[in-house]
Amino acid sequence: MSGLDIFAWIVLVVLVVSTVFVIVFMAMWPGMVARRRNHPWADAVAVGGWVTLFLGFVLWPVVLIWAYVDVPAKPGHGTGDAETAR
């Protein structure tokens, strides 16, 4: 093996490791965002991130958007006002 062959193998290994890292990070990203934002369905967002990334990248951005969307509060919940609950 020449020096050029060794260099080529090193480049190949670095590319494979980088690709695996990017795939794992992209799969974890929606779940991390949802947990950080205290999303009520953070576990579902995390599962959605992994499933959509490996079963078809098309819906992965939808899951990422879902992680950033705030769920609107139902009227009368958390306000402490008894009149709005009726």
PDB file of N, CA and C in Angstrom:
ATOM      1  N   MET A   1       0.842  -1.184   0.000  1.00  0.00           N
ATOM      2  CA  MET A   1       0.000   0.000   0.000  1.00  0.00           C
ATOM      3  C   MET A   1       0.883   1.241   0.000  1.00  0.00           C
ATOM      4  N   SER A   2       0.547   2.116  -0.889  1.00  0.00           N
ATOM      5  CA  SER A   2       1.306   3.358  -0.961  1.00  0.00           C
ATOM      6  C   SER A   2       0.692   4.389  -0.011  1.00  0.00           C
ATOM      7  N   GLY A   3       1.352   5.488   0.096  1.00  0.00           N
ATOM      8  CA  GLY A   3       0.856   6.568   0.944  1.00  0.00           C
ATOM      9  C   GLY A   3      -0.473   7.111   0.453  1.00  0.00           C
ATOM     10  N   LEU A   4      -0.651   7.110  -0.863  1.00  0.00           N
ATOM     11  CA  LEU A   4      -1.904   7.595  -1.434  1.00  0.00           C
ATOM     12  C   LEU A   4      -3.068   6.665  -1.085  1.00  0.00           C
ATOM     13  N   ASP A   5      -2.818   5.356  -1.065  1.00  0.00           N
ATOM     14  CA  ASP A   5      -3.859   4.402  -0.673  1.00  0.00           C
ATOM     15  C   ASP A   5      -4.272   4.596   0.789  1.00  0.00           C
ATOM     16  N   ILE A   6      -3.303   4.799   1.641  1.00  0.00           N
ATOM     17  CA  ILE A   6      -3.594   5.012   3.064  1.00  0.00           C
ATOM     18  C   ILE A   6      -4.398   6.299   3.247  1.00  0.00           C
ATOM     19  N   PHE A   7      -3.999   7.345   2.525  1.00  0.00           N
ATOM     20  CA  PHE A   7      -4.735   8.604   2.595  1.00  0.00           C
ATOM     21  C   PHE A   7      -6.176   8.423   2.118  1.00  0.00           C
ATOM     22  N   ALA A   8      -6.362   7.665   1.058  1.00  0.00           N
ATOM     23  CA  ALA A   8      -7.706   7.419   0.527  1.00  0.00           C
ATOM     24  C   ALA A   8      -8.561   6.668   1.547  1.00  0.00           C
ATOM     25  N   TRP A   9      -7.985   5.687   2.227  1.00  0.00           N
ATOM     26  CA  TRP A   9      -8.732   4.951   3.253  1.00  0.00           C
ATOM     27  C   TRP A   9      -9.107   5.860   4.424  1.00  0.00           C
ATOM     28  N   ILE A  10      -8.195   6.724   4.813  1.00  0.00           N
ATOM     29  CA  ILE A  10      -8.485   7.654   5.909  1.00  0.00           C
ATOM     30  C   ILE A  10      -9.634   8.584   5.524  1.00  0.00           C
ATOM     31  N   VAL A  11      -9.591   9.098   4.298  1.00  0.00           N
ATOM     32  CA  VAL A  11     -10.665   9.968   3.827  1.00  0.00           C
ATOM     33  C   VAL A  11     -11.987   9.208   3.803  1.00  0.00           C
ATOM     34  N   LEU A  12     -11.974   7.976   3.336  1.00  0.00           N
ATOM     35  CA  LEU A  12     -13.189   7.170   3.284  1.00  0.00           C
ATOM     36  C   LEU A  12     -13.773   6.942   4.679  1.00  0.00           C
ATOM     37  N   VAL A  13     -12.928   6.619   5.638  1.00  0.00           N
ATOM     38  CA  VAL A  13     -13.391   6.386   7.008  1.00  0.00           C
ATOM     39  C   VAL A  13     -13.976   7.671   7.598  1.00  0.00           C
ATOM     40  N   VAL A  14     -13.313   8.795   7.369  1.00  0.00           N
ATOM     41  CA  VAL A  14     -13.819  10.071   7.882  1.00  0.00           C
ATOM     42  C   VAL A  14     -15.180  10.396   7.265  1.00  0.00           C
ATOM     43  N   LEU A  15     -15.344  10.145   5.977  1.00  0.00           N
ATOM     44  CA  LEU A  15     -16.623  10.406   5.321  1.00  0.00           C
ATOM     45  C   LEU A  15     -17.737   9.508   5.865  1.00  0.00           C
ATOM     46  N   VAL A  16     -17.441   8.247   6.088  1.00  0.00           N
ATOM     47  CA  VAL A  16     -18.451   7.325   6.621  1.00  0.00           C
ATOM     48  C   VAL A  16     -18.854   7.733   8.040  1.00  0.00           C
ATOM     49  N   VAL A  17     -17.878   8.047   8.876  1.00  0.00           N
ATOM     50  CA  VAL A  17     -18.172   8.457  10.253  1.00  0.00           C
ATOM     51  C   VAL A  17     -18.968   9.762  10.261  1.00  0.00           C
ATOM     52  N   SER A  18     -18.600  10.693   9.412  1.00  0.00           N
ATOM     53  CA  SER A  18     -19.327  11.962   9.333  1.00  0.00           C
ATOM     54  C   SER A  18     -20.764  11.756   8.872  1.00  0.00           C
ATOM     55  N   THR A  19     -20.969  10.885   7.904  1.00  0.00           N
ATOM     56  CA  THR A  19     -22.314  10.608   7.406  1.00  0.00           C
ATOM     57  C   THR A  19     -23.180   9.981   8.495  1.00  0.00           C
ATOM     58  N   VAL A  20     -22.636   9.030   9.220  1.00  0.00           N
ATOM     59  CA  VAL A  20     -23.385   8.395  10.311  1.00  0.00           C
ATOM     60  C   VAL A  20     -23.731   9.429  11.383  1.00  0.00           C
ATOM     61  N   PHE A  21     -22.775  10.291  11.717  1.00  0.00           N
ATOM     62  CA  PHE A  21     -23.025  11.324  12.722  1.00  0.00           C
ATOM     63  C   PHE A  21     -24.146  12.259  12.279  1.00  0.00           C
ATOM     64  N   VAL A  22     -24.130  12.693  11.036  1.00  0.00           N
ATOM     65  CA  VAL A  22     -25.163  13.604  10.530  1.00  0.00           C
ATOM     66  C   VAL A  22     -26.531  12.930  10.546  1.00  0.00           C
ATOM     67  N   ILE A  23     -26.603  11.668  10.148  1.00  0.00           N
ATOM     68  CA  ILE A  23     -27.883  10.949  10.149  1.00  0.00           C
ATOM     69  C   ILE A  23     -28.432  10.813  11.564  1.00  0.00           C
ATOM     70  N   VAL A  24     -27.583  10.449  12.510  1.00  0.00           N
ATOM     71  CA  VAL A  24     -28.030  10.299  13.900  1.00  0.00           C
ATOM     72  C   VAL A  24     -28.454  11.651  14.471  1.00  0.00           C
ATOM     73  N   PHE A  25     -27.685  12.698  14.182  1.00  0.00           N
ATOM     74  CA  PHE A  25     -28.042  14.022  14.686  1.00  0.00           C
ATOM     75  C   PHE A  25     -29.376  14.493  14.117  1.00  0.00           C
ATOM     76  N   MET A  26     -29.579  14.288  12.821  1.00  0.00           N
ATOM     77  CA  MET A  26     -30.836  14.711  12.203  1.00  0.00           C
ATOM     78  C   MET A  26     -32.021  13.927  12.753  1.00  0.00           C
ATOM     79  N   ALA A  27     -31.817  12.664  13.100  1.00  0.00           N
ATOM     80  CA  ALA A  27     -32.898  11.866  13.672  1.00  0.00           C
ATOM     81  C   ALA A  27     -33.227  12.327  15.094  1.00  0.00           C
ATOM     82  N   MET A  28     -32.215  12.766  15.835  1.00  0.00           N
ATOM     83  CA  MET A  28     -32.421  13.189  17.217  1.00  0.00           C
ATOM     84  C   MET A  28     -32.910  14.632  17.339  1.00  0.00           C
ATOM     85  N   TRP A  29     -32.665  15.448  16.333  1.00  0.00           N
ATOM     86  CA  TRP A  29     -32.924  16.878  16.405  1.00  0.00           C
ATOM     87  C   TRP A  29     -34.370  17.237  16.769  1.00  0.00           C
ATOM     88  N   PRO A  30     -35.398  16.710  16.091  1.00  0.00           N
ATOM     89  CA  PRO A  30     -36.767  17.088  16.477  1.00  0.00           C
ATOM     90  C   PRO A  30     -37.105  16.736  17.929  1.00  0.00           C
ATOM     91  N   GLY A  31     -36.649  15.585  18.396  1.00  0.00           N
ATOM     92  CA  GLY A  31     -36.918  15.192  19.775  1.00  0.00           C
ATOM     93  C   GLY A  31     -36.233  16.101  20.779  1.00  0.00           C
ATOM     94  N   MET A  32     -35.003  16.496  20.487  1.00  0.00           N
ATOM     95  CA  MET A  32     -34.283  17.403  21.385  1.00  0.00           C
ATOM     96  C   MET A  32     -34.979  18.758  21.458  1.00  0.00           C
ATOM     97  N   VAL A  33     -35.423  19.257  20.320  1.00  0.00           N
ATOM     98  CA  VAL A  33     -36.121  20.546  20.292  1.00  0.00           C
ATOM     99  C   VAL A  33     -37.425  20.454  21.070  1.00  0.00           C
ATOM    100  N   ALA A  34     -38.175  19.388  20.858  1.00  0.00           N
ATOM    101  CA  ALA A  34     -39.464  19.230  21.542  1.00  0.00           C
ATOM    102  C   ALA A  34     -39.279  19.134  23.052  1.00  0.00           C
ATOM    103  N   ARG A  35     -38.278  18.412  23.506  1.00  0.00           N
ATOM    104  CA  ARG A  35     -38.044  18.289  24.955  1.00  0.00           C
ATOM    105  C   ARG A  35     -37.595  19.623  25.550  1.00  0.00           C
ATOM    106  N   ARG A  36     -36.745  20.340  24.831  1.00  0.00           N
ATOM    107  CA  ARG A  36     -36.259  21.627  25.321  1.00  0.00           C
ATOM    108  C   ARG A  36     -37.400  22.644  25.421  1.00  0.00           C
ATOM    109  N   ARG A  37     -38.365  22.557  24.521  1.00  0.00           N
ATOM    110  CA  ARG A  37     -39.498  23.485  24.514  1.00  0.00           C
ATOM    111  C   ARG A  37     -40.679  22.968  25.337  1.00  0.00           C
ATOM    112  N   ASN A  38     -40.496  21.857  26.058  1.00  0.00           N
ATOM    113  CA  ASN A  38     -41.545  21.239  26.882  1.00  0.00           C
ATOM    114  C   ASN A  38     -42.808  20.961  26.073  1.00  0.00           C
ATOM    115  N   HIS A  39     -42.616  20.395  24.920  1.00  0.00           N
ATOM    116  CA  HIS A  39     -43.736  20.039  24.043  1.00  0.00           C
ATOM    117  C   HIS A  39     -44.527  18.917  24.708  1.00  0.00           C
ATOM    118  N   PRO A  40     -45.862  18.980  24.698  1.00  0.00           N
ATOM    119  CA  PRO A  40     -46.647  17.939  25.373  1.00  0.00           C
ATOM    120  C   PRO A  40     -46.504  16.561  24.732  1.00  0.00           C
ATOM    121  N   TRP A  41     -46.137  16.500  23.468  1.00  0.00           N
ATOM    122  CA  TRP A  41     -45.962  15.221  22.783  1.00  0.00           C
ATOM    123  C   TRP A  41     -44.507  15.042  22.358  1.00  0.00           C
ATOM    124  N   ALA A  42     -43.588  15.333  23.259  1.00  0.00           N
ATOM    125  CA  ALA A  42     -42.164  15.284  22.934  1.00  0.00           C
ATOM    126  C   ALA A  42     -41.722  13.876  22.538  1.00  0.00           C
ATOM    127  N   ASP A  43     -42.254  12.861  23.194  1.00  0.00           N
ATOM    128  CA  ASP A  43     -41.875  11.489  22.843  1.00  0.00           C
ATOM    129  C   ASP A  43     -42.354  11.126  21.441  1.00  0.00           C
ATOM    130  N   ALA A  44     -43.548  11.554  21.088  1.00  0.00           N
ATOM    131  CA  ALA A  44     -44.063  11.275  19.747  1.00  0.00           C
ATOM    132  C   ALA A  44     -43.243  12.001  18.687  1.00  0.00           C
ATOM    133  N   VAL A  45     -42.812  13.208  18.982  1.00  0.00           N
ATOM    134  CA  VAL A  45     -41.973  13.954  18.046  1.00  0.00           C
ATOM    135  C   VAL A  45     -40.632  13.248  17.880  1.00  0.00           C
ATOM    136  N   ALA A  46     -40.068  12.748  18.986  1.00  0.00           N
ATOM    137  CA  ALA A  46     -38.787  12.047  18.910  1.00  0.00           C
ATOM    138  C   ALA A  46     -38.900  10.780  18.064  1.00  0.00           C
ATOM    139  N   VAL A  47     -39.947  10.018  18.280  1.00  0.00           N
ATOM    140  CA  VAL A  47     -40.158   8.808  17.475  1.00  0.00           C
ATOM    141  C   VAL A  47     -40.383   9.184  16.017  1.00  0.00           C
ATOM    142  N   GLY A  48     -41.147  10.235  15.795  1.00  0.00           N
ATOM    143  CA  GLY A  48     -41.385  10.687  14.430  1.00  0.00           C
ATOM    144  C   GLY A  48     -40.110  11.094  13.722  1.00  0.00           C
ATOM    145  N   GLY A  49     -39.180  11.689  14.448  1.00  0.00           N
ATOM    146  CA  GLY A  49     -37.902  12.065  13.854  1.00  0.00           C
ATOM    147  C   GLY A  49     -37.127  10.865  13.348  1.00  0.00           C
ATOM    148  N   TRP A  50     -37.078   9.805  14.136  1.00  0.00           N
ATOM    149  CA  TRP A  50     -36.363   8.595  13.717  1.00  0.00           C
ATOM    150  C   TRP A  50     -37.088   7.874  12.594  1.00  0.00           C
ATOM    151  N   VAL A  51     -38.399   7.719  12.736  1.00  0.00           N
ATOM    152  CA  VAL A  51     -39.165   6.945  11.749  1.00  0.00           C
ATOM    153  C   VAL A  51     -39.149   7.625  10.387  1.00  0.00           C
ATOM    154  N   THR A  52     -39.419   8.926  10.359  1.00  0.00           N
ATOM    155  CA  THR A  52     -39.484   9.599   9.061  1.00  0.00           C
ATOM    156  C   THR A  52     -38.128   9.707   8.397  1.00  0.00           C
ATOM    157  N   LEU A  53     -37.069   9.759   9.177  1.00  0.00           N
ATOM    158  CA  LEU A  53     -35.746   9.851   8.570  1.00  0.00           C
ATOM    159  C   LEU A  53     -35.363   8.547   7.893  1.00  0.00           C
ATOM    160  N   PHE A  54     -35.720   7.424   8.497  1.00  0.00           N
ATOM    161  CA  PHE A  54     -35.319   6.141   7.929  1.00  0.00           C
ATOM    162  C   PHE A  54     -36.343   5.551   6.960  1.00  0.00           C
ATOM    163  N   LEU A  55     -37.597   5.981   7.042  1.00  0.00           N
ATOM    164  CA  LEU A  55     -38.610   5.430   6.146  1.00  0.00           C
ATOM    165  C   LEU A  55     -38.978   6.378   5.010  1.00  0.00           C
ATOM    166  N   GLY A  56     -38.309   7.455   4.924  1.00  0.00           N
ATOM    167  CA  GLY A  56     -38.581   8.413   3.855  1.00  0.00           C
ATOM    168  C   GLY A  56     -38.358   9.816   4.371  1.00  0.00           C
ATOM    169  N   PHE A  57     -37.416  10.476   3.794  1.00  0.00           N
ATOM    170  CA  PHE A  57     -37.003  11.788   4.286  1.00  0.00           C
ATOM    171  C   PHE A  57     -38.054  12.863   4.032  1.00  0.00           C
ATOM    172  N   VAL A  58     -39.059  12.574   3.234  1.00  0.00           N
ATOM    173  CA  VAL A  58     -40.011  13.593   2.797  1.00  0.00           C
ATOM    174  C   VAL A  58     -40.743  14.231   3.978  1.00  0.00           C
ATOM    175  N   LEU A  59     -41.158  13.454   4.955  1.00  0.00           N
ATOM    176  CA  LEU A  59     -41.942  13.992   6.070  1.00  0.00           C
ATOM    177  C   LEU A  59     -41.096  14.445   7.260  1.00  0.00           C
ATOM    178  N   TRP A  60     -39.777  14.286   7.190  1.00  0.00           N
ATOM    179  CA  TRP A  60     -38.924  14.692   8.307  1.00  0.00           C
ATOM    180  C   TRP A  60     -39.048  16.191   8.608  1.00  0.00           C
ATOM    181  N   PRO A  61     -39.090  17.078   7.611  1.00  0.00           N
ATOM    182  CA  PRO A  61     -39.272  18.501   7.933  1.00  0.00           C
ATOM    183  C   PRO A  61     -40.597  18.795   8.637  1.00  0.00           C
ATOM    184  N   VAL A  62     -41.623  18.022   8.347  1.00  0.00           N
ATOM    185  CA  VAL A  62     -42.909  18.213   9.026  1.00  0.00           C
ATOM    186  C   VAL A  62     -42.764  17.909  10.515  1.00  0.00           C
ATOM    187  N   VAL A  63     -42.022  16.868  10.843  1.00  0.00           N
ATOM    188  CA  VAL A  63     -41.797  16.521  12.255  1.00  0.00           C
ATOM    189  C   VAL A  63     -40.964  17.605  12.935  1.00  0.00           C
ATOM    190  N   LEU A  64     -39.993  18.160  12.231  1.00  0.00           N
ATOM    191  CA  LEU A  64     -39.189  19.240  12.806  1.00  0.00           C
ATOM    192  C   LEU A  64     -40.053  20.476  13.062  1.00  0.00           C
ATOM    193  N   ILE A  65     -40.938  20.791  12.147  1.00  0.00           N
ATOM    194  CA  ILE A  65     -41.858  21.914  12.359  1.00  0.00           C
ATOM    195  C   ILE A  65     -42.779  21.618  13.538  1.00  0.00           C
ATOM    196  N   TRP A  66     -43.243  20.380  13.641  1.00  0.00           N
ATOM    197  CA  TRP A  66     -44.101  19.971  14.754  1.00  0.00           C
ATOM    198  C   TRP A  66     -43.395  20.196  16.094  1.00  0.00           C
ATOM    199  N   ALA A  67     -42.091  19.974  16.136  1.00  0.00           N
ATOM    200  CA  ALA A  67     -41.340  20.167  17.372  1.00  0.00           C
ATOM    201  C   ALA A  67     -41.321  21.636  17.789  1.00  0.00           C
ATOM    202  N   TYR A  68     -41.371  22.543  16.835  1.00  0.00           N
ATOM    203  CA  TYR A  68     -41.327  23.971  17.134  1.00  0.00           C
ATOM    204  C   TYR A  68     -42.706  24.589  17.366  1.00  0.00           C
ATOM    205  N   VAL A  69     -43.771  23.905  16.988  1.00  0.00           N
ATOM    206  CA  VAL A  69     -45.116  24.469  17.102  1.00  0.00           C
ATOM    207  C   VAL A  69     -45.583  24.397  18.549  1.00  0.00           C
ATOM    208  N   ASP A  70     -46.088  25.516  19.031  1.00  0.00           N
ATOM    209  CA  ASP A  70     -46.675  25.541  20.365  1.00  0.00           C
ATOM    210  C   ASP A  70     -48.124  25.097  20.266  1.00  0.00           C
ATOM    211  N   VAL A  71     -48.511  24.227  21.171  1.00  0.00           N
ATOM    212  CA  VAL A  71     -49.884  23.743  21.190  1.00  0.00           C
ATOM    213  C   VAL A  71     -50.725  24.794  21.901  1.00  0.00           C
ATOM    214  N   PRO A  72     -51.779  25.289  21.258  1.00  0.00           N
ATOM    215  CA  PRO A  72     -52.597  26.311  21.925  1.00  0.00           C
ATOM    216  C   PRO A  72     -53.330  25.724  23.126  1.00  0.00           C
ATOM    217  N   ALA A  73     -53.428  26.514  24.163  1.00  0.00           N
ATOM    218  CA  ALA A  73     -54.126  26.069  25.370  1.00  0.00           C
ATOM    219  C   ALA A  73     -55.623  26.060  25.111  1.00  0.00           C
ATOM    220  N   LYS A  74     -56.294  25.094  25.702  1.00  0.00           N
ATOM    221  CA  LYS A  74     -57.750  25.033  25.588  1.00  0.00           C
ATOM    222  C   LYS A  74     -58.345  26.175  26.410  1.00  0.00           C
ATOM    223  N   PRO A  75     -59.445  26.725  25.963  1.00  0.00           N
ATOM    224  CA  PRO A  75     -60.066  27.819  26.720  1.00  0.00           C
ATOM    225  C   PRO A  75     -60.420  27.367  28.133  1.00  0.00           C
ATOM    226  N   GLY A  76     -60.008  28.169  29.103  1.00  0.00           N
ATOM    227  CA  GLY A  76     -60.350  27.878  30.486  1.00  0.00           C
ATOM    228  C   GLY A  76     -59.326  27.034  31.215  1.00  0.00           C
ATOM    229  N   HIS A  77     -58.324  26.525  30.541  1.00  0.00           N
ATOM    230  CA  HIS A  77     -57.311  25.712  31.212  1.00  0.00           C
ATOM    231  C   HIS A  77     -56.103  26.579  31.550  1.00  0.00           C
ATOM    232  N   GLY A  78     -55.739  26.560  32.800  1.00  0.00           N
ATOM    233  CA  GLY A  78     -54.545  27.255  33.232  1.00  0.00           C
ATOM    234  C   GLY A  78     -54.724  28.745  33.462  1.00  0.00           C
ATOM    235  N   THR A  79     -55.921  29.276  33.291  1.00  0.00           N
ATOM    236  CA  THR A  79     -56.114  30.705  33.509  1.00  0.00           C
ATOM    237  C   THR A  79     -56.493  31.010  34.948  1.00  0.00           C
ATOM    238  N   GLY A  80     -57.094  30.054  35.627  1.00  0.00           N
ATOM    239  CA  GLY A  80     -57.515  30.273  37.002  1.00  0.00           C
ATOM    240  C   GLY A  80     -58.807  31.068  37.102  1.00  0.00           C
ATOM    241  N   ASP A  81     -59.384  31.415  35.976  1.00  0.00           N
ATOM    242  CA  ASP A  81     -60.624  32.186  35.954  1.00  0.00           C
ATOM    243  C   ASP A  81     -61.799  31.230  35.763  1.00  0.00           C
ATOM    244  N   ALA A  82     -62.692  31.186  36.728  1.00  0.00           N
ATOM    245  CA  ALA A  82     -63.812  30.242  36.670  1.00  0.00           C
ATOM    246  C   ALA A  82     -64.818  30.628  35.590  1.00  0.00           C
ATOM    247  N   GLU A  83     -64.894  31.897  35.251  1.00  0.00           N
ATOM    248  CA  GLU A  83     -65.865  32.340  34.252  1.00  0.00           C
ATOM    249  C   GLU A  83     -65.501  31.858  32.853  1.00  0.00           C
ATOM    250  N   THR A  84     -64.234  31.789  32.533  1.00  0.00           N
ATOM    251  CA  THR A  84     -63.830  31.368  31.188  1.00  0.00           C
ATOM    252  C   THR A  84     -63.955  29.872  31.012  1.00  0.00           C
ATOM    253  N   ALA A  85     -64.063  29.128  32.097  1.00  0.00           N
ATOM    254  CA  ALA A  85     -64.164  27.677  31.997  1.00  0.00           C
ATOM    255  C   ALA A  85     -65.574  27.232  31.621  1.00  0.00           C
ATOM    256  N   ARG A  86     -66.539  28.109  31.727  1.00  0.00           N
ATOM    257  CA  ARG A  86     -67.929  27.735  31.434  1.00  0.00           C
ATOM    258  C   ARG A  86     -68.253  27.823  29.994  1.00  0.00           C
TER     259      ARG A  86
END
